[in-house]
Amino acid sequence: MAKIVVVDDELEIAELVAEIAKDQNHQVFMACNAEQAFKLCLNEKPQLVISDIMMPGLDGYTLCRQLKTEPQLKGIKVILMTAGSFKQDIIKGFYDNFIKKPFDVEDIEKLLQASL
C-alpha cells in the first residue's frame, strides 16, 4: 500500500482518481490546489502525487518543480493530468508520467500499477 496525494481543483475528478487508488488499496489524501498539496506532501511523505496542471494559484508545473527539488520529498513520483497540452520543454525531467483528460478508469489503474 502506497500513500498517494491527488490534487485537482475539480472535486469530481479528484474524487474519481482517489476512488480508483483506494480500490487498489492505497492510502489517498486529496487537495484542491497546489499549495495544499505541497503541505500534505511535507506532512504525509507520499510515494506518488497525481496532479492537475491547470489550477488557480500555483499550477501543476510549479508544484511538480517544488516536489522534485524539496530534499524532504526526494524520490517522490509525479503524474500530471491535463485537458490541454504538455509543456515538455519546461517540465522535462520533473514529472514521471502524464495522463490526458478525459481518461478512462483503466488508464489510471495502469498508471498506478506502473508508477508504484
PDB file of N, CA and C in Angstrom:
ATOM      1  N   MET A   1       0.845  -1.184   0.000  1.00  0.00           N
ATOM      2  CA  MET A   1       0.000   0.000   0.000  1.00  0.00           C
ATOM      3  C   MET A   1       0.882   1.236   0.000  1.00  0.00           C
ATOM      4  N   ALA A   2       0.590   2.147  -0.909  1.00  0.00           N
ATOM      5  CA  ALA A   2       1.338   3.393  -1.022  1.00  0.00           C
ATOM      6  C   ALA A   2       0.482   4.564  -0.573  1.00  0.00           C
ATOM      7  N   LYS A   3       1.150   5.638  -0.192  1.00  0.00           N
ATOM      8  CA  LYS A   3       0.466   6.896   0.088  1.00  0.00           C
ATOM      9  C   LYS A   3       0.464   7.704  -1.204  1.00  0.00           C
ATOM     10  N   ILE A   4      -0.721   8.228  -1.543  1.00  0.00           N
ATOM     11  CA  ILE A   4      -0.880   8.996  -2.769  1.00  0.00           C
ATOM     12  C   ILE A   4      -1.602  10.291  -2.458  1.00  0.00           C
ATOM     13  N   VAL A   5      -1.109  11.396  -3.019  1.00  0.00           N
ATOM     14  CA  VAL A   5      -1.800  12.679  -2.927  1.00  0.00           C
ATOM     15  C   VAL A   5      -2.383  12.973  -4.308  1.00  0.00           C
ATOM     16  N   VAL A   6      -3.687  13.250  -4.338  1.00  0.00           N
ATOM     17  CA  VAL A   6      -4.387  13.615  -5.563  1.00  0.00           C
ATOM     18  C   VAL A   6      -4.768  15.080  -5.453  1.00  0.00           C
ATOM     19  N   VAL A   7      -4.387  15.880  -6.450  1.00  0.00           N
ATOM     20  CA  VAL A   7      -4.702  17.305  -6.408  1.00  0.00           C
ATOM     21  C   VAL A   7      -5.351  17.736  -7.719  1.00  0.00           C
ATOM     22  N   ASP A   8      -6.529  18.301  -7.573  1.00  0.00           N
ATOM     23  CA  ASP A   8      -7.276  18.826  -8.717  1.00  0.00           C
ATOM     24  C   ASP A   8      -8.297  19.810  -8.180  1.00  0.00           C
ATOM     25  N   ASP A   9      -8.437  20.939  -8.856  1.00  0.00           N
ATOM     26  CA  ASP A   9      -9.420  21.925  -8.407  1.00  0.00           C
ATOM     27  C   ASP A   9     -10.841  21.512  -8.767  1.00  0.00           C
ATOM     28  N   GLU A  10     -10.992  20.494  -9.603  1.00  0.00           N
ATOM     29  CA  GLU A  10     -12.317  19.943  -9.908  1.00  0.00           C
ATOM     30  C   GLU A  10     -12.542  18.741  -9.000  1.00  0.00           C
ATOM     31  N   LEU A  11     -13.386  18.923  -8.002  1.00  0.00           N
ATOM     32  CA  LEU A  11     -13.611  17.914  -6.969  1.00  0.00           C
ATOM     33  C   LEU A  11     -14.004  16.557  -7.546  1.00  0.00           C
ATOM     34  N   GLU A  12     -14.836  16.550  -8.559  1.00  0.00           N
ATOM     35  CA  GLU A  12     -15.297  15.279  -9.137  1.00  0.00           C
ATOM     36  C   GLU A  12     -14.144  14.459  -9.697  1.00  0.00           C
ATOM     37  N   ILE A  13     -13.204  15.130 -10.338  1.00  0.00           N
ATOM     38  CA  ILE A  13     -12.053  14.423 -10.904  1.00  0.00           C
ATOM     39  C   ILE A  13     -11.159  13.905  -9.792  1.00  0.00           C
ATOM     40  N   ALA A  14     -10.892  14.741  -8.798  1.00  0.00           N
ATOM     41  CA  ALA A  14     -10.064  14.312  -7.665  1.00  0.00           C
ATOM     42  C   ALA A  14     -10.692  13.110  -6.962  1.00  0.00           C
ATOM     43  N   GLU A  15     -11.988  13.151  -6.761  1.00  0.00           N
ATOM     44  CA  GLU A  15     -12.667  12.040  -6.097  1.00  0.00           C
ATOM     45  C   GLU A  15     -12.612  10.764  -6.927  1.00  0.00           C
ATOM     46  N   LEU A  16     -12.760  10.871  -8.244  1.00  0.00           N
ATOM     47  CA  LEU A  16     -12.684   9.695  -9.111  1.00  0.00           C
ATOM     48  C   LEU A  16     -11.298   9.056  -9.051  1.00  0.00           C
ATOM     49  N   VAL A  17     -10.261   9.867  -9.187  1.00  0.00           N
ATOM     50  CA  VAL A  17      -8.893   9.345  -9.124  1.00  0.00           C
ATOM     51  C   VAL A  17      -8.619   8.743  -7.747  1.00  0.00           C
ATOM     52  N   ALA A  18      -9.060   9.410  -6.704  1.00  0.00           N
ATOM     53  CA  ALA A  18      -8.862   8.904  -5.341  1.00  0.00           C
ATOM     54  C   ALA A  18      -9.561   7.565  -5.149  1.00  0.00           C
ATOM     55  N   GLU A  19     -10.764   7.448  -5.662  1.00  0.00           N
ATOM     56  CA  GLU A  19     -11.517   6.190  -5.518  1.00  0.00           C
ATOM     57  C   GLU A  19     -10.816   5.036  -6.242  1.00  0.00           C
ATOM     58  N   ILE A  20     -10.282   5.308  -7.425  1.00  0.00           N
ATOM     59  CA  ILE A  20      -9.550   4.276  -8.171  1.00  0.00           C
ATOM     60  C   ILE A  20      -8.332   3.822  -7.369  1.00  0.00           C
ATOM     61  N   ALA A  21      -7.613   4.771  -6.795  1.00  0.00           N
ATOM     62  CA  ALA A  21      -6.428   4.432  -5.996  1.00  0.00           C
ATOM     63  C   ALA A  21      -6.811   3.667  -4.731  1.00  0.00           C
ATOM     64  N   LYS A  22      -7.901   4.069  -4.093  1.00  0.00           N
ATOM     65  CA  LYS A  22      -8.367   3.361  -2.888  1.00  0.00           C
ATOM     66  C   LYS A  22      -8.780   1.936  -3.227  1.00  0.00           C
ATOM     67  N   ASP A  23      -9.382   1.744  -4.397  1.00  0.00           N
ATOM     68  CA  ASP A  23      -9.774   0.398  -4.829  1.00  0.00           C
ATOM     69  C   ASP A  23      -8.561  -0.515  -4.995  1.00  0.00           C
ATOM     70  N   GLN A  24      -7.399   0.080  -5.208  1.00  0.00           N
ATOM     71  CA  GLN A  24      -6.156  -0.689  -5.309  1.00  0.00           C
ATOM     72  C   GLN A  24      -5.429  -0.727  -3.963  1.00  0.00           C
ATOM     73  N   ASN A  25      -6.163  -0.411  -2.902  1.00  0.00           N
ATOM     74  CA  ASN A  25      -5.665  -0.474  -1.518  1.00  0.00           C
ATOM     75  C   ASN A  25      -4.576   0.531  -1.184  1.00  0.00           C
ATOM     76  N   HIS A  26      -4.624   1.705  -1.804  1.00  0.00           N
ATOM     77  CA  HIS A  26      -3.677   2.757  -1.475  1.00  0.00           C
ATOM     78  C   HIS A  26      -4.325   3.742  -0.503  1.00  0.00           C
ATOM     79  N   GLN A  27      -3.494   4.389   0.284  1.00  0.00           N
ATOM     80  CA  GLN A  27      -3.966   5.434   1.191  1.00  0.00           C
ATOM     81  C   GLN A  27      -3.933   6.748   0.414  1.00  0.00           C
ATOM     82  N   VAL A  28      -5.068   7.434   0.354  1.00  0.00           N
ATOM     83  CA  VAL A  28      -5.181   8.611  -0.506  1.00  0.00           C
ATOM     84  C   VAL A  28      -5.502   9.860   0.308  1.00  0.00           C
ATOM     85  N   PHE A  29      -4.818  10.939  -0.066  1.00  0.00           N
ATOM     86  CA  PHE A  29      -5.055  12.261   0.505  1.00  0.00           C
ATOM     87  C   PHE A  29      -5.412  13.173  -0.657  1.00  0.00           C
ATOM     88  N   MET A  30      -6.415  14.026  -0.470  1.00  0.00           N
ATOM     89  CA  MET A  30      -6.853  14.906  -1.553  1.00  0.00           C
ATOM     90  C   MET A  30      -6.578  16.362  -1.212  1.00  0.00           C
ATOM     91  N   ALA A  31      -6.239  17.119  -2.270  1.00  0.00           N
ATOM     92  CA  ALA A  31      -6.033  18.556  -2.136  1.00  0.00           C
ATOM     93  C   ALA A  31      -6.725  19.236  -3.314  1.00  0.00           C
ATOM     94  N   CYS A  32      -7.164  20.470  -3.095  1.00  0.00           N
ATOM     95  CA  CYS A  32      -7.856  21.194  -4.161  1.00  0.00           C
ATOM     96  C   CYS A  32      -6.979  22.233  -4.847  1.00  0.00           C
ATOM     97  N   ASN A  33      -5.742  22.388  -4.356  1.00  0.00           N
ATOM     98  CA  ASN A  33      -4.807  23.310  -5.006  1.00  0.00           C
ATOM     99  C   ASN A  33      -3.371  22.881  -4.705  1.00  0.00           C
ATOM    100  N   ALA A  34      -2.431  23.472  -5.422  1.00  0.00           N
ATOM    101  CA  ALA A  34      -1.031  23.074  -5.312  1.00  0.00           C
ATOM    102  C   ALA A  34      -0.434  23.394  -3.943  1.00  0.00           C
ATOM    103  N   GLU A  35      -0.820  24.520  -3.382  1.00  0.00           N
ATOM    104  CA  GLU A  35      -0.288  24.905  -2.077  1.00  0.00           C
ATOM    105  C   GLU A  35      -0.676  23.876  -1.008  1.00  0.00           C
ATOM    106  N   GLN A  36      -1.937  23.491  -1.016  1.00  0.00           N
ATOM    107  CA  GLN A  36      -2.426  22.498  -0.060  1.00  0.00           C
ATOM    108  C   GLN A  36      -1.739  21.149  -0.305  1.00  0.00           C
ATOM    109  N   ALA A  37      -1.565  20.790  -1.555  1.00  0.00           N
ATOM    110  CA  ALA A  37      -0.921  19.522  -1.897  1.00  0.00           C
ATOM    111  C   ALA A  37       0.523  19.483  -1.403  1.00  0.00           C
ATOM    112  N   PHE A  38       1.254  20.576  -1.565  1.00  0.00           N
ATOM    113  CA  PHE A  38       2.646  20.606  -1.124  1.00  0.00           C
ATOM    114  C   PHE A  38       2.734  20.420   0.392  1.00  0.00           C
ATOM    115  N   LYS A  39       1.859  21.081   1.136  1.00  0.00           N
ATOM    116  CA  LYS A  39       1.832  20.927   2.598  1.00  0.00           C
ATOM    117  C   LYS A  39       1.496  19.487   2.986  1.00  0.00           C
ATOM    118  N   LEU A  40       0.521  18.894   2.280  1.00  0.00           N
ATOM    119  CA  LEU A  40       0.167  17.497   2.532  1.00  0.00           C
ATOM    120  C   LEU A  40       1.365  16.582   2.297  1.00  0.00           C
ATOM    121  N   CYS A  41       2.099  16.856   1.235  1.00  0.00           N
ATOM    122  CA  CYS A  41       3.267  16.029   0.918  1.00  0.00           C
ATOM    123  C   CYS A  41       4.338  16.141   2.000  1.00  0.00           C
ATOM    124  N   LEU A  42       4.559  17.338   2.486  1.00  0.00           N
ATOM    125  CA  LEU A  42       5.541  17.508   3.559  1.00  0.00           C
ATOM    126  C   LEU A  42       5.132  16.739   4.812  1.00  0.00           C
ATOM    127  N   ASN A  43       3.834  16.710   5.103  1.00  0.00           N
ATOM    128  CA  ASN A  43       3.335  16.026   6.301  1.00  0.00           C
ATOM    129  C   ASN A  43       3.236  14.516   6.132  1.00  0.00           C
ATOM    130  N   GLU A  44       2.787  14.068   4.975  1.00  0.00           N
ATOM    131  CA  GLU A  44       2.472  12.647   4.782  1.00  0.00           C
ATOM    132  C   GLU A  44       3.562  11.844   4.076  1.00  0.00           C
ATOM    133  N   LYS A  45       4.466  12.512   3.381  1.00  0.00           N
ATOM    134  CA  LYS A  45       5.566  11.852   2.637  1.00  0.00           C
ATOM    135  C   LYS A  45       5.029  10.746   1.712  1.00  0.00           C
ATOM    136  N   PRO A  46       4.188  11.108   0.739  1.00  0.00           N
ATOM    137  CA  PRO A  46       3.629  10.096  -0.159  1.00  0.00           C
ATOM    138  C   PRO A  46       4.679   9.571  -1.136  1.00  0.00           C
ATOM    139  N   GLN A  47       4.372   8.442  -1.736  1.00  0.00           N
ATOM    140  CA  GLN A  47       5.236   7.893  -2.778  1.00  0.00           C
ATOM    141  C   GLN A  47       4.872   8.477  -4.143  1.00  0.00           C
ATOM    142  N   LEU A  48       3.632   8.960  -4.272  1.00  0.00           N
ATOM    143  CA  LEU A  48       3.128   9.419  -5.565  1.00  0.00           C
ATOM    144  C   LEU A  48       2.194  10.604  -5.399  1.00  0.00           C
ATOM    145  N   VAL A  49       2.305  11.556  -6.320  1.00  0.00           N
ATOM    146  CA  VAL A  49       1.368  12.667  -6.427  1.00  0.00           C
ATOM    147  C   VAL A  49       0.770  12.626  -7.826  1.00  0.00           C
ATOM    148  N   ILE A  50      -0.559  12.703  -7.895  1.00  0.00           N
ATOM    149  CA  ILE A  50      -1.265  12.802  -9.164  1.00  0.00           C
ATOM    150  C   ILE A  50      -1.895  14.183  -9.176  1.00  0.00           C
ATOM    151  N   SER A  51      -1.416  15.050 -10.076  1.00  0.00           N
ATOM    152  CA  SER A  51      -1.819  16.452 -10.039  1.00  0.00           C
ATOM    153  C   SER A  51      -2.321  16.956 -11.380  1.00  0.00           C
ATOM    154  N   ASP A  52      -3.379  17.744 -11.309  1.00  0.00           N
ATOM    155  CA  ASP A  52      -3.827  18.503 -12.461  1.00  0.00           C
ATOM    156  C   ASP A  52      -2.768  19.556 -12.756  1.00  0.00           C
ATOM    157  N   ILE A  53      -2.720  20.017 -13.988  1.00  0.00           N
ATOM    158  CA  ILE A  53      -1.781  21.087 -14.332  1.00  0.00           C
ATOM    159  C   ILE A  53      -2.426  22.453 -14.152  1.00  0.00           C
ATOM    160  N   MET A  54      -3.604  22.632 -14.735  1.00  0.00           N
ATOM    161  CA  MET A  54      -4.255  23.946 -14.726  1.00  0.00           C
ATOM    162  C   MET A  54      -5.136  24.100 -13.488  1.00  0.00           C
ATOM    163  N   MET A  55      -4.612  24.882 -12.529  1.00  0.00           N
ATOM    164  CA  MET A  55      -5.342  25.150 -11.289  1.00  0.00           C
ATOM    165  C   MET A  55      -5.145  26.615 -10.925  1.00  0.00           C
ATOM    166  N   PRO A  56      -6.088  27.194 -10.183  1.00  0.00           N
ATOM    167  CA  PRO A  56      -5.885  28.571  -9.722  1.00  0.00           C
ATOM    168  C   PRO A  56      -4.691  28.642  -8.774  1.00  0.00           C
ATOM    169  N   GLY A  57      -4.050  29.783  -8.738  1.00  0.00           N
ATOM    170  CA  GLY A  57      -2.857  29.914  -7.890  1.00  0.00           C
ATOM    171  C   GLY A  57      -1.698  29.212  -8.564  1.00  0.00           C
ATOM    172  N   LEU A  58      -0.937  28.458  -7.798  1.00  0.00           N
ATOM    173  CA  LEU A  58       0.175  27.703  -8.374  1.00  0.00           C
ATOM    174  C   LEU A  58      -0.361  26.608  -9.276  1.00  0.00           C
ATOM    175  N   ASP A  59       0.273  26.424 -10.425  1.00  0.00           N
ATOM    176  CA  ASP A  59      -0.170  25.367 -11.327  1.00  0.00           C
ATOM    177  C   ASP A  59       0.581  24.062 -11.042  1.00  0.00           C
ATOM    178  N   GLY A  60       0.197  23.034 -11.732  1.00  0.00           N
ATOM    179  CA  GLY A  60       0.803  21.723 -11.528  1.00  0.00           C
ATOM    180  C   GLY A  60       2.279  21.671 -11.882  1.00  0.00           C
ATOM    181  N   TYR A  61       2.698  22.482 -12.864  1.00  0.00           N
ATOM    182  CA  TYR A  61       4.122  22.531 -13.218  1.00  0.00           C
ATOM    183  C   TYR A  61       4.943  23.025 -12.030  1.00  0.00           C
ATOM    184  N   THR A  62       4.457  24.083 -11.399  1.00  0.00           N
ATOM    185  CA  THR A  62       5.163  24.653 -10.246  1.00  0.00           C
ATOM    186  C   THR A  62       5.183  23.667  -9.092  1.00  0.00           C
ATOM    187  N   LEU A  63       4.058  23.029  -8.832  1.00  0.00           N
ATOM    188  CA  LEU A  63       4.013  22.009  -7.781  1.00  0.00           C
ATOM    189  C   LEU A  63       5.025  20.911  -8.072  1.00  0.00           C
ATOM    190  N   CYS A  64       5.067  20.471  -9.301  1.00  0.00           N
ATOM    191  CA  CYS A  64       5.992  19.413  -9.700  1.00  0.00           C
ATOM    192  C   CYS A  64       7.442  19.816  -9.401  1.00  0.00           C
ATOM    193  N   ARG A  65       7.824  21.029  -9.793  1.00  0.00           N
ATOM    194  CA  ARG A  65       9.192  21.512  -9.527  1.00  0.00           C
ATOM    195  C   ARG A  65       9.468  21.577  -8.030  1.00  0.00           C
ATOM    196  N   GLN A  66       8.480  22.053  -7.262  1.00  0.00           N
ATOM    197  CA  GLN A  66       8.665  22.145  -5.806  1.00  0.00           C
ATOM    198  C   GLN A  66       8.879  20.753  -5.204  1.00  0.00           C
ATOM    199  N   LEU A  67       8.083  19.803  -5.635  1.00  0.00           N
ATOM    200  CA  LEU A  67       8.186  18.447  -5.097  1.00  0.00           C
ATOM    201  C   LEU A  67       9.528  17.808  -5.439  1.00  0.00           C
ATOM    202  N   LYS A  68       9.973  18.010  -6.658  1.00  0.00           N
ATOM    203  CA  LYS A  68      11.204  17.359  -7.119  1.00  0.00           C
ATOM    204  C   LYS A  68      12.470  18.012  -6.565  1.00  0.00           C
ATOM    205  N   THR A  69      12.355  19.250  -6.087  1.00  0.00           N
ATOM    206  CA  THR A  69      13.538  19.928  -5.553  1.00  0.00           C
ATOM    207  C   THR A  69      13.562  20.007  -4.033  1.00  0.00           C
ATOM    208  N   GLU A  70      12.499  19.562  -3.375  1.00  0.00           N
ATOM    209  CA  GLU A  70      12.434  19.583  -1.911  1.00  0.00           C
ATOM    210  C   GLU A  70      13.175  18.367  -1.357  1.00  0.00           C
ATOM    211  N   PRO A  71      14.271  18.573  -0.609  1.00  0.00           N
ATOM    212  CA  PRO A  71      15.050  17.440  -0.090  1.00  0.00           C
ATOM    213  C   PRO A  71      14.240  16.440   0.744  1.00  0.00           C
ATOM    214  N   GLN A  72      13.239  16.917   1.493  1.00  0.00           N
ATOM    215  CA  GLN A  72      12.418  16.022   2.317  1.00  0.00           C
ATOM    216  C   GLN A  72      11.554  15.079   1.485  1.00  0.00           C
ATOM    217  N   LEU A  73      11.373  15.411   0.214  1.00  0.00           N
ATOM    218  CA  LEU A  73      10.479  14.630  -0.648  1.00  0.00           C
ATOM    219  C   LEU A  73      11.249  13.913  -1.755  1.00  0.00           C
ATOM    220  N   LYS A  74      12.507  13.672  -1.512  1.00  0.00           N
ATOM    221  CA  LYS A  74      13.339  13.012  -2.510  1.00  0.00           C
ATOM    222  C   LYS A  74      12.732  11.653  -2.895  1.00  0.00           C
ATOM    223  N   GLY A  75      12.659  11.403  -4.186  1.00  0.00           N
ATOM    224  CA  GLY A  75      12.154  10.128  -4.673  1.00  0.00           C
ATOM    225  C   GLY A  75      10.663  10.094  -4.952  1.00  0.00           C
ATOM    226  N   ILE A  76       9.954  11.169  -4.658  1.00  0.00           N
ATOM    227  CA  ILE A  76       8.522  11.187  -4.912  1.00  0.00           C
ATOM    228  C   ILE A  76       8.276  11.141  -6.427  1.00  0.00           C
ATOM    229  N   LYS A  77       7.266  10.384  -6.837  1.00  0.00           N
ATOM    230  CA  LYS A  77       6.901  10.308  -8.246  1.00  0.00           C
ATOM    231  C   LYS A  77       5.701  11.209  -8.490  1.00  0.00           C
ATOM    232  N   VAL A  78       5.637  11.765  -9.710  1.00  0.00           N
ATOM    233  CA  VAL A  78       4.565  12.691 -10.049  1.00  0.00           C
ATOM    234  C   VAL A  78       3.949  12.296 -11.383  1.00  0.00           C
ATOM    235  N   ILE A  79       2.624  12.207 -11.389  1.00  0.00           N
ATOM    236  CA  ILE A  79       1.853  12.034 -12.617  1.00  0.00           C
ATOM    237  C   ILE A  79       1.047  13.309 -12.800  1.00  0.00           C
ATOM    238  N   LEU A  80       1.185  13.932 -13.964  1.00  0.00           N
ATOM    239  CA  LEU A  80       0.430  15.142 -14.255  1.00  0.00           C
ATOM    240  C   LEU A  80      -0.761  14.818 -15.141  1.00  0.00           C
ATOM    241  N   MET A  81      -1.883  15.518 -14.883  1.00  0.00           N
ATOM    242  CA  MET A  81      -3.105  15.355 -15.672  1.00  0.00           C
ATOM    243  C   MET A  81      -3.455  16.692 -16.307  1.00  0.00           C
ATOM    244  N   THR A  82      -3.928  16.646 -17.547  1.00  0.00           N
ATOM    245  CA  THR A  82      -4.378  17.873 -18.180  1.00  0.00           C
ATOM    246  C   THR A  82      -5.317  17.595 -19.336  1.00  0.00           C
ATOM    247  N   ALA A  83      -6.189  18.549 -19.579  1.00  0.00           N
ATOM    248  CA  ALA A  83      -7.036  18.509 -20.766  1.00  0.00           C
ATOM    249  C   ALA A  83      -6.343  19.259 -21.899  1.00  0.00           C
ATOM    250  N   GLY A  84      -5.298  20.007 -21.554  1.00  0.00           N
ATOM    251  CA  GLY A  84      -4.548  20.776 -22.546  1.00  0.00           C
ATOM    252  C   GLY A  84      -3.351  20.004 -23.049  1.00  0.00           C
ATOM    253  N   SER A  85      -2.349  20.749 -23.500  1.00  0.00           N
ATOM    254  CA  SER A  85      -1.121  20.117 -23.997  1.00  0.00           C
ATOM    255  C   SER A  85      -0.015  20.283 -22.955  1.00  0.00           C
ATOM    256  N   PHE A  86       0.995  19.436 -23.054  1.00  0.00           N
ATOM    257  CA  PHE A  86       2.097  19.466 -22.102  1.00  0.00           C
ATOM    258  C   PHE A  86       3.229  20.353 -22.600  1.00  0.00           C
ATOM    259  N   LYS A  87       3.794  21.123 -21.690  1.00  0.00           N
ATOM    260  CA  LYS A  87       4.953  21.956 -21.991  1.00  0.00           C
ATOM    261  C   LYS A  87       6.200  21.135 -21.672  1.00  0.00           C
ATOM    262  N   GLN A  88       6.487  20.171 -22.519  1.00  0.00           N
ATOM    263  CA  GLN A  88       7.581  19.219 -22.280  1.00  0.00           C
ATOM    264  C   GLN A  88       8.907  19.924 -21.997  1.00  0.00           C
ATOM    265  N   ASP A  89       9.191  21.005 -22.713  1.00  0.00           N
ATOM    266  CA  ASP A  89      10.476  21.672 -22.534  1.00  0.00           C
ATOM    267  C   ASP A  89      10.586  22.320 -21.155  1.00  0.00           C
ATOM    268  N   ILE A  90       9.471  22.761 -20.591  1.00  0.00           N
ATOM    269  CA  ILE A  90       9.500  23.418 -19.290  1.00  0.00           C
ATOM    270  C   ILE A  90       9.631  22.405 -18.151  1.00  0.00           C
ATOM    271  N   ILE A  91       8.959  21.277 -18.274  1.00  0.00           N
ATOM    272  CA  ILE A  91       8.926  20.336 -17.158  1.00  0.00           C
ATOM    273  C   ILE A  91       9.791  19.102 -17.379  1.00  0.00           C
ATOM    274  N   LYS A  92      10.597  19.114 -18.431  1.00  0.00           N
ATOM    275  CA  LYS A  92      11.429  17.954 -18.732  1.00  0.00           C
ATOM    276  C   LYS A  92      12.210  17.516 -17.482  1.00  0.00           C
ATOM    277  N   GLY A  93      12.051  16.261 -17.151  1.00  0.00           N
ATOM    278  CA  GLY A  93      12.762  15.727 -16.001  1.00  0.00           C
ATOM    279  C   GLY A  93      12.061  15.911 -14.671  1.00  0.00           C
ATOM    280  N   PHE A  94      10.972  16.668 -14.627  1.00  0.00           N
ATOM    281  CA  PHE A  94      10.313  16.922 -13.356  1.00  0.00           C
ATOM    282  C   PHE A  94       9.129  16.015 -13.092  1.00  0.00           C
ATOM    283  N   TYR A  95       8.534  15.449 -14.125  1.00  0.00           N
ATOM    284  CA  TYR A  95       7.398  14.574 -13.901  1.00  0.00           C
ATOM    285  C   TYR A  95       7.755  13.168 -14.346  1.00  0.00           C
ATOM    286  N   ASP A  96       7.063  12.186 -13.809  1.00  0.00           N
ATOM    287  CA  ASP A  96       7.358  10.791 -14.107  1.00  0.00           C
ATOM    288  C   ASP A  96       6.418  10.205 -15.150  1.00  0.00           C
ATOM    289  N   ASN A  97       5.228  10.761 -15.265  1.00  0.00           N
ATOM    290  CA  ASN A  97       4.279  10.278 -16.252  1.00  0.00           C
ATOM    291  C   ASN A  97       3.174  11.313 -16.391  1.00  0.00           C
ATOM    292  N   PHE A  98       2.307  11.140 -17.367  1.00  0.00           N
ATOM    293  CA  PHE A  98       1.210  12.070 -17.547  1.00  0.00           C
ATOM    294  C   PHE A  98      -0.001  11.334 -18.089  1.00  0.00           C
ATOM    295  N   ILE A  99      -1.142  11.967 -17.928  1.00  0.00           N
ATOM    296  CA  ILE A  99      -2.388  11.421 -18.467  1.00  0.00           C
ATOM    297  C   ILE A  99      -3.215  12.575 -19.010  1.00  0.00           C
ATOM    298  N   LYS A 100      -3.810  12.338 -20.133  1.00  0.00           N
ATOM    299  CA  LYS A 100      -4.646  13.338 -20.797  1.00  0.00           C
ATOM    300  C   LYS A 100      -6.100  13.163 -20.380  1.00  0.00           C
ATOM    301  N   LYS A 101      -6.752  14.253 -20.016  1.00  0.00           N
ATOM    302  CA  LYS A 101      -8.179  14.240 -19.692  1.00  0.00           C
ATOM    303  C   LYS A 101      -8.956  14.395 -20.987  1.00  0.00           C
ATOM    304  N   PRO A 102     -10.094  13.810 -21.164  1.00  0.00           N
ATOM    305  CA  PRO A 102     -10.709  12.851 -20.252  1.00  0.00           C
ATOM    306  C   PRO A 102      -9.984  11.509 -20.316  1.00  0.00           C
ATOM    307  N   PHE A 103     -10.034  10.773 -19.232  1.00  0.00           N
ATOM    308  CA  PHE A 103      -9.363   9.483 -19.160  1.00  0.00           C
ATOM    309  C   PHE A 103     -10.357   8.414 -18.749  1.00  0.00           C
ATOM    310  N   ASP A 104      -9.991   7.164 -18.994  1.00  0.00           N
ATOM    311  CA  ASP A 104     -10.789   6.023 -18.557  1.00  0.00           C
ATOM    312  C   ASP A 104     -10.249   5.525 -17.225  1.00  0.00           C
ATOM    313  N   VAL A 105     -11.072   4.856 -16.469  1.00  0.00           N
ATOM    314  CA  VAL A 105     -10.652   4.262 -15.199  1.00  0.00           C
ATOM    315  C   VAL A 105      -9.432   3.373 -15.425  1.00  0.00           C
ATOM    316  N   GLU A 106      -9.443   2.617 -16.510  1.00  0.00           N
ATOM    317  CA  GLU A 106      -8.337   1.694 -16.807  1.00  0.00           C
ATOM    318  C   GLU A 106      -7.022   2.446 -17.007  1.00  0.00           C
ATOM    319  N   ASP A 107      -7.096   3.666 -17.552  1.00  0.00           N
ATOM    320  CA  ASP A 107      -5.890   4.468 -17.752  1.00  0.00           C
ATOM    321  C   ASP A 107      -5.224   4.776 -16.406  1.00  0.00           C
ATOM    322  N   ILE A 108      -6.020   5.180 -15.428  1.00  0.00           N
ATOM    323  CA  ILE A 108      -5.494   5.486 -14.094  1.00  0.00           C
ATOM    324  C   ILE A 108      -4.974   4.219 -13.432  1.00  0.00           C
ATOM    325  N   GLU A 109      -5.705   3.137 -13.537  1.00  0.00           N
ATOM    326  CA  GLU A 109      -5.269   1.871 -12.931  1.00  0.00           C
ATOM    327  C   GLU A 109      -3.911   1.451 -13.480  1.00  0.00           C
ATOM    328  N   LYS A 110      -3.734   1.550 -14.787  1.00  0.00           N
ATOM    329  CA  LYS A 110      -2.453   1.174 -15.406  1.00  0.00           C
ATOM    330  C   LYS A 110      -1.321   2.087 -14.944  1.00  0.00           C
ATOM    331  N   LEU A 111      -1.593   3.381 -14.856  1.00  0.00           N
ATOM    332  CA  LEU A 111      -0.559   4.318 -14.405  1.00  0.00           C
ATOM    333  C   LEU A 111      -0.158   4.056 -12.962  1.00  0.00           C
ATOM    334  N   LEU A 112      -1.127   3.757 -12.124  1.00  0.00           N
ATOM    335  CA  LEU A 112      -0.818   3.436 -10.729  1.00  0.00           C
ATOM    336  C   LEU A 112       0.063   2.206 -10.640  1.00  0.00           C
ATOM    337  N   GLN A 113      -0.297   1.181 -11.370  1.00  0.00           N
ATOM    338  CA  GLN A 113       0.482  -0.065 -11.341  1.00  0.00           C
ATOM    339  C   GLN A 113       1.900   0.177 -11.878  1.00  0.00           C
ATOM    340  N   ALA A 114       2.027   0.988 -12.898  1.00  0.00           N
ATOM    341  CA  ALA A 114       3.336   1.250 -13.486  1.00  0.00           C
ATOM    342  C   ALA A 114       4.194   2.177 -12.618  1.00  0.00           C
ATOM    343  N   SER A 115       3.552   3.016 -11.818  1.00  0.00           N
ATOM    344  CA  SER A 115       4.278   4.040 -11.061  1.00  0.00           C
ATOM    345  C   SER A 115       4.680   3.609  -9.657  1.00  0.00           C
ATOM    346  N   LEU A 116       4.024   2.569  -9.132  1.00  0.00           N
ATOM    347  CA  LEU A 116       4.312   2.178  -7.735  1.00  0.00           C
ATOM    348  C   LEU A 116       4.964   0.808  -7.669  1.00  0.00           C
TER     349      LEU A 116
END
